[in-house]
Amino acid sequence: MDRSARADELIAEHVAGTAAAAAIPIPLVDLVAVTAVQLSLLRKLGRLYGARVGVGFQGAMAVGLLGAALPRVAASALKILPGIGWIGGTMAQAALSSAATWALANALRDRLETPELDAEIAEGADVARTLARVERLFRRGLLDPEEYARMRSDLLDAV
């Protein structure tokens, strides 16, 4: 089985897993379970493509997870209502969680299948880290405004 087919298989399994996790009848516990399944998928895709999905990358992925969180929280909250609320909340939560998992996984896979971006992304990550350090030094008063502006400009020109 080639890598792309294995990725499709992993994604399909985890999309089904998020739908199952969404059926947990306890509000908010379902969200934790769905997020755990999604993070497991991201790590497995990373291993499949020989990439380390580390904390920095997970942080970036967290933005994607949070972007779909509001409708999922609302769907989860519907489960509080007996009968139709639970059924509607479960169906909505399963649909939204499955769609978010599929989109997130395919976005990661697209990124992992584009190796020519690796050097550019690594360089950008180094610049971003350095820029964050410079900003922290400035906020602590260890750099004056002129030094900060010059260093920031140099870093942004490097990108």
C-alpha atoms as a PDB file:
ATOM      1  CA  MET A   1       0.000   0.000   0.000  1.00  0.00           C
ATOM      2  CA  ASP A   2       1.453   3.372  -0.979  1.00  0.00           C
ATOM      3  CA  ARG A   3       1.711   6.278   1.427  1.00  0.00           C
ATOM      4  CA  SER A   4      -1.203   8.222  -0.036  1.00  0.00           C
ATOM      5  CA  ALA A   5      -3.536   5.230   0.232  1.00  0.00           C
ATOM      6  CA  ARG A   6      -2.410   4.612   3.822  1.00  0.00           C
ATOM      7  CA  ALA A   7      -3.052   8.306   4.611  1.00  0.00           C
ATOM      8  CA  ASP A   8      -6.558   7.986   3.134  1.00  0.00           C
ATOM      9  CA  GLU A   9      -7.123   4.925   5.306  1.00  0.00           C
ATOM     10  CA  LEU A  10      -5.888   6.688   8.458  1.00  0.00           C
ATOM     11  CA  ILE A  11      -8.074   9.694   7.755  1.00  0.00           C
ATOM     12  CA  ALA A  12     -11.165   7.548   7.144  1.00  0.00           C
ATOM     13  CA  GLU A  13     -10.580   5.574  10.361  1.00  0.00           C
ATOM     14  CA  HIS A  14     -10.152   8.714  12.440  1.00  0.00           C
ATOM     15  CA  VAL A  15     -13.112  10.511  10.865  1.00  0.00           C
ATOM     16  CA  ALA A  16     -15.214   7.524  11.945  1.00  0.00           C
ATOM     17  CA  GLY A  17     -13.534   7.679  15.355  1.00  0.00           C
ATOM     18  CA  THR A  18     -14.467  11.319  15.807  1.00  0.00           C
ATOM     19  CA  ALA A  19     -18.066  10.555  14.872  1.00  0.00           C
ATOM     20  CA  ALA A  20     -18.107   7.811  17.509  1.00  0.00           C
ATOM     21  CA  ALA A  21     -16.493  10.087  20.104  1.00  0.00           C
ATOM     22  CA  ALA A  22     -19.099  12.740  19.323  1.00  0.00           C
ATOM     23  CA  ALA A  23     -21.803  10.274  20.358  1.00  0.00           C
ATOM     24  CA  ILE A  24     -20.591  10.309  23.961  1.00  0.00           C
ATOM     25  CA  PRO A  25     -23.681  11.530  25.821  1.00  0.00           C
ATOM     26  CA  ILE A  26     -21.842  13.747  28.313  1.00  0.00           C
ATOM     27  CA  PRO A  27     -21.412  17.338  27.103  1.00  0.00           C
ATOM     28  CA  LEU A  28     -17.798  18.549  26.855  1.00  0.00           C
ATOM     29  CA  VAL A  29     -16.435  15.033  27.477  1.00  0.00           C
ATOM     30  CA  ASP A  30     -17.302  14.373  23.850  1.00  0.00           C
ATOM     31  CA  LEU A  31     -15.196  17.389  22.816  1.00  0.00           C
ATOM     32  CA  VAL A  32     -12.188  16.107  24.740  1.00  0.00           C
ATOM     33  CA  ALA A  33     -12.532  12.674  23.140  1.00  0.00           C
ATOM     34  CA  VAL A  34     -12.887  14.150  19.641  1.00  0.00           C
ATOM     35  CA  THR A  35      -9.809  16.329  20.134  1.00  0.00           C
ATOM     36  CA  ALA A  36      -7.817  13.312  21.364  1.00  0.00           C
ATOM     37  CA  VAL A  37      -8.747  11.378  18.220  1.00  0.00           C
ATOM     38  CA  GLN A  38      -7.788  14.353  16.041  1.00  0.00           C
ATOM     39  CA  LEU A  39      -4.391  14.784  17.715  1.00  0.00           C
ATOM     40  CA  SER A  40      -3.741  11.052  17.369  1.00  0.00           C
ATOM     41  CA  LEU A  41      -4.435  11.345  13.641  1.00  0.00           C
ATOM     42  CA  LEU A  42      -2.054  14.281  13.267  1.00  0.00           C
ATOM     43  CA  ARG A  43       0.756  12.368  14.988  1.00  0.00           C
ATOM     44  CA  LYS A  44       0.136   9.254  12.875  1.00  0.00           C
ATOM     45  CA  LEU A  45       0.130  11.259   9.646  1.00  0.00           C
ATOM     46  CA  GLY A  46       3.361  12.891  10.720  1.00  0.00           C
ATOM     47  CA  ARG A  47       4.987   9.494  11.317  1.00  0.00           C
ATOM     48  CA  LEU A  48       3.672   8.189   7.999  1.00  0.00           C
ATOM     49  CA  TYR A  49       5.333  11.051   6.141  1.00  0.00           C
ATOM     50  CA  GLY A  50       8.502  10.924   8.228  1.00  0.00           C
ATOM     51  CA  ALA A  51       7.840  14.261   9.903  1.00  0.00           C
ATOM     52  CA  ARG A  52       7.899  15.054  13.577  1.00  0.00           C
ATOM     53  CA  VAL A  53       4.661  16.755  14.544  1.00  0.00           C
ATOM     54  CA  GLY A  54       6.043  18.528  17.595  1.00  0.00           C
ATOM     55  CA  VAL A  55       4.745  21.079  20.039  1.00  0.00           C
ATOM     56  CA  GLY A  56       5.276  24.009  17.662  1.00  0.00           C
ATOM     57  CA  PHE A  57       3.386  22.290  14.905  1.00  0.00           C
ATOM     58  CA  GLN A  58       0.699  21.098  17.311  1.00  0.00           C
ATOM     59  CA  GLY A  59       0.309  24.684  18.441  1.00  0.00           C
ATOM     60  CA  ALA A  60      -0.366  25.676  14.866  1.00  0.00           C
ATOM     61  CA  MET A  61      -2.828  22.833  14.517  1.00  0.00           C
ATOM     62  CA  ALA A  62      -4.552  23.916  17.721  1.00  0.00           C
ATOM     63  CA  VAL A  63      -5.595  27.057  15.893  1.00  0.00           C
ATOM     64  CA  GLY A  64      -7.371  24.860  13.358  1.00  0.00           C
ATOM     65  CA  LEU A  65      -9.003  22.858  16.128  1.00  0.00           C
ATOM     66  CA  LEU A  66     -10.203  25.981  17.916  1.00  0.00           C
ATOM     67  CA  GLY A  67     -11.560  27.423  14.691  1.00  0.00           C
ATOM     68  CA  ALA A  68     -14.175  24.685  14.579  1.00  0.00           C
ATOM     69  CA  ALA A  69     -14.755  24.597  18.332  1.00  0.00           C
ATOM     70  CA  LEU A  70     -17.630  27.075  18.730  1.00  0.00           C
ATOM     71  CA  PRO A  71     -20.191  25.148  16.640  1.00  0.00           C
ATOM     72  CA  ARG A  72     -18.995  21.899  18.239  1.00  0.00           C
ATOM     73  CA  VAL A  73     -19.453  23.320  21.737  1.00  0.00           C
ATOM     74  CA  ALA A  74     -22.980  24.455  20.823  1.00  0.00           C
ATOM     75  CA  ALA A  75     -23.795  21.006  19.448  1.00  0.00           C
ATOM     76  CA  SER A  76     -22.360  19.410  22.570  1.00  0.00           C
ATOM     77  CA  ALA A  77     -24.434  21.707  24.794  1.00  0.00           C
ATOM     78  CA  LEU A  78     -27.631  20.606  23.022  1.00  0.00           C
ATOM     79  CA  LYS A  79     -27.140  17.187  24.603  1.00  0.00           C
ATOM     80  CA  ILE A  80     -28.261  18.686  27.910  1.00  0.00           C
ATOM     81  CA  LEU A  81     -31.839  18.760  26.592  1.00  0.00           C
ATOM     82  CA  PRO A  82     -33.580  15.400  26.945  1.00  0.00           C
ATOM     83  CA  GLY A  83     -34.769  13.529  23.868  1.00  0.00           C
ATOM     84  CA  ILE A  84     -34.596  15.644  20.735  1.00  0.00           C
ATOM     85  CA  GLY A  85     -31.800  17.804  22.168  1.00  0.00           C
ATOM     86  CA  TRP A  86     -29.574  14.789  22.694  1.00  0.00           C
ATOM     87  CA  ILE A  87     -30.363  13.336  19.268  1.00  0.00           C
ATOM     88  CA  GLY A  88     -29.902  16.652  17.462  1.00  0.00           C
ATOM     89  CA  GLY A  89     -26.769  17.507  19.440  1.00  0.00           C
ATOM     90  CA  THR A  90     -25.226  14.111  18.769  1.00  0.00           C
ATOM     91  CA  MET A  91     -25.958  14.295  15.042  1.00  0.00           C
ATOM     92  CA  ALA A  92     -24.668  17.857  14.751  1.00  0.00           C
ATOM     93  CA  GLN A  93     -21.587  17.087  16.850  1.00  0.00           C
ATOM     94  CA  ALA A  94     -20.781  13.989  14.771  1.00  0.00           C
ATOM     95  CA  ALA A  95     -21.146  15.875  11.483  1.00  0.00           C
ATOM     96  CA  LEU A  96     -19.140  18.922  12.591  1.00  0.00           C
ATOM     97  CA  SER A  97     -16.393  16.877  14.254  1.00  0.00           C
ATOM     98  CA  SER A  98     -16.043  14.543  11.285  1.00  0.00           C
ATOM     99  CA  ALA A  99     -15.841  17.446   8.842  1.00  0.00           C
ATOM    100  CA  ALA A 100     -13.278  19.269  11.004  1.00  0.00           C
ATOM    101  CA  THR A 101     -11.162  16.118  11.316  1.00  0.00           C
ATOM    102  CA  TRP A 102     -11.239  15.499   7.576  1.00  0.00           C
ATOM    103  CA  ALA A 103     -10.306  19.109   6.768  1.00  0.00           C
ATOM    104  CA  LEU A 104      -7.538  19.237   9.356  1.00  0.00           C
ATOM    105  CA  ALA A 105      -6.022  15.942   8.223  1.00  0.00           C
ATOM    106  CA  ASN A 106      -6.076  16.893   4.566  1.00  0.00           C
ATOM    107  CA  ALA A 107      -4.517  20.275   5.285  1.00  0.00           C
ATOM    108  CA  LEU A 108      -1.698  18.551   7.166  1.00  0.00           C
ATOM    109  CA  ARG A 109      -1.284  15.945   4.439  1.00  0.00           C
ATOM    110  CA  ASP A 110      -1.073  18.640   1.753  1.00  0.00           C
ATOM    111  CA  ARG A 111       1.651  20.333   3.760  1.00  0.00           C
ATOM    112  CA  LEU A 112       3.552  17.081   4.346  1.00  0.00           C
ATOM    113  CA  GLU A 113       3.382  16.134   0.670  1.00  0.00           C
ATOM    114  CA  THR A 114       5.125  19.386  -0.326  1.00  0.00           C
ATOM    115  CA  PRO A 115       8.744  18.766   0.738  1.00  0.00           C
ATOM    116  CA  GLU A 116      10.120  21.765  -1.175  1.00  0.00           C
ATOM    117  CA  LEU A 117       8.471  23.985   1.436  1.00  0.00           C
ATOM    118  CA  ASP A 118      10.410  22.365   4.298  1.00  0.00           C
ATOM    119  CA  ALA A 119      13.455  24.642   4.127  1.00  0.00           C
ATOM    120  CA  GLU A 120      11.317  27.744   3.704  1.00  0.00           C
ATOM    121  CA  ILE A 121       9.074  26.758   6.612  1.00  0.00           C
ATOM    122  CA  ALA A 122      12.065  25.915   8.831  1.00  0.00           C
ATOM    123  CA  GLU A 123      13.631  29.274   8.005  1.00  0.00           C
ATOM    124  CA  GLY A 124      10.361  31.052   8.714  1.00  0.00           C
ATOM    125  CA  ALA A 125      10.018  29.184  12.014  1.00  0.00           C
ATOM    126  CA  ASP A 126      13.530  30.263  13.042  1.00  0.00           C
ATOM    127  CA  VAL A 127      12.739  33.876  12.164  1.00  0.00           C
ATOM    128  CA  ALA A 128       9.448  33.679  14.062  1.00  0.00           C
ATOM    129  CA  ARG A 129      11.176  32.256  17.149  1.00  0.00           C
ATOM    130  CA  THR A 130      13.885  34.903  17.027  1.00  0.00           C
ATOM    131  CA  LEU A 131      11.308  37.642  16.524  1.00  0.00           C
ATOM    132  CA  ALA A 132       9.391  36.395  19.569  1.00  0.00           C
ATOM    133  CA  ARG A 133      12.599  36.465  21.642  1.00  0.00           C
ATOM    134  CA  VAL A 134      13.390  40.011  20.510  1.00  0.00           C
ATOM    135  CA  GLU A 135       9.866  41.072  21.386  1.00  0.00           C
ATOM    136  CA  ARG A 136      10.165  39.531  24.876  1.00  0.00           C
ATOM    137  CA  LEU A 137      13.455  41.372  25.434  1.00  0.00           C
ATOM    138  CA  PHE A 138      11.813  44.623  24.385  1.00  0.00           C
ATOM    139  CA  ARG A 139       8.841  44.105  26.706  1.00  0.00           C
ATOM    140  CA  ARG A 140      11.212  43.403  29.595  1.00  0.00           C
ATOM    141  CA  GLY A 141      12.996  46.663  28.909  1.00  0.00           C
ATOM    142  CA  LEU A 142      16.256  45.031  27.835  1.00  0.00           C
ATOM    143  CA  LEU A 143      16.109  46.617  24.365  1.00  0.00           C
ATOM    144  CA  ASP A 144      15.407  50.243  23.665  1.00  0.00           C
ATOM    145  CA  PRO A 145      12.810  51.128  20.986  1.00  0.00           C
ATOM    146  CA  GLU A 146      15.427  51.874  18.307  1.00  0.00           C
ATOM    147  CA  GLU A 147      17.236  48.548  18.842  1.00  0.00           C
ATOM    148  CA  TYR A 148      13.933  46.695  18.811  1.00  0.00           C
ATOM    149  CA  ALA A 149      12.776  48.407  15.601  1.00  0.00           C
ATOM    150  CA  ARG A 150      16.099  47.726  13.873  1.00  0.00           C
ATOM    151  CA  MET A 151      16.218  44.054  14.914  1.00  0.00           C
ATOM    152  CA  ARG A 152      12.574  43.514  13.999  1.00  0.00           C
ATOM    153  CA  SER A 153      13.087  45.104  10.601  1.00  0.00           C
ATOM    154  CA  ASP A 154      16.187  42.982   9.931  1.00  0.00           C
ATOM    155  CA  LEU A 155      14.341  39.781  10.857  1.00  0.00           C
ATOM    156  CA  LEU A 156      11.304  40.591   8.732  1.00  0.00           C
ATOM    157  CA  ASP A 157      13.542  41.501   5.768  1.00  0.00           C
ATOM    158  CA  ALA A 158      15.188  38.087   6.084  1.00  0.00           C
ATOM    159  CA  VAL A 159      11.899  36.309   5.375  1.00  0.00           C
END
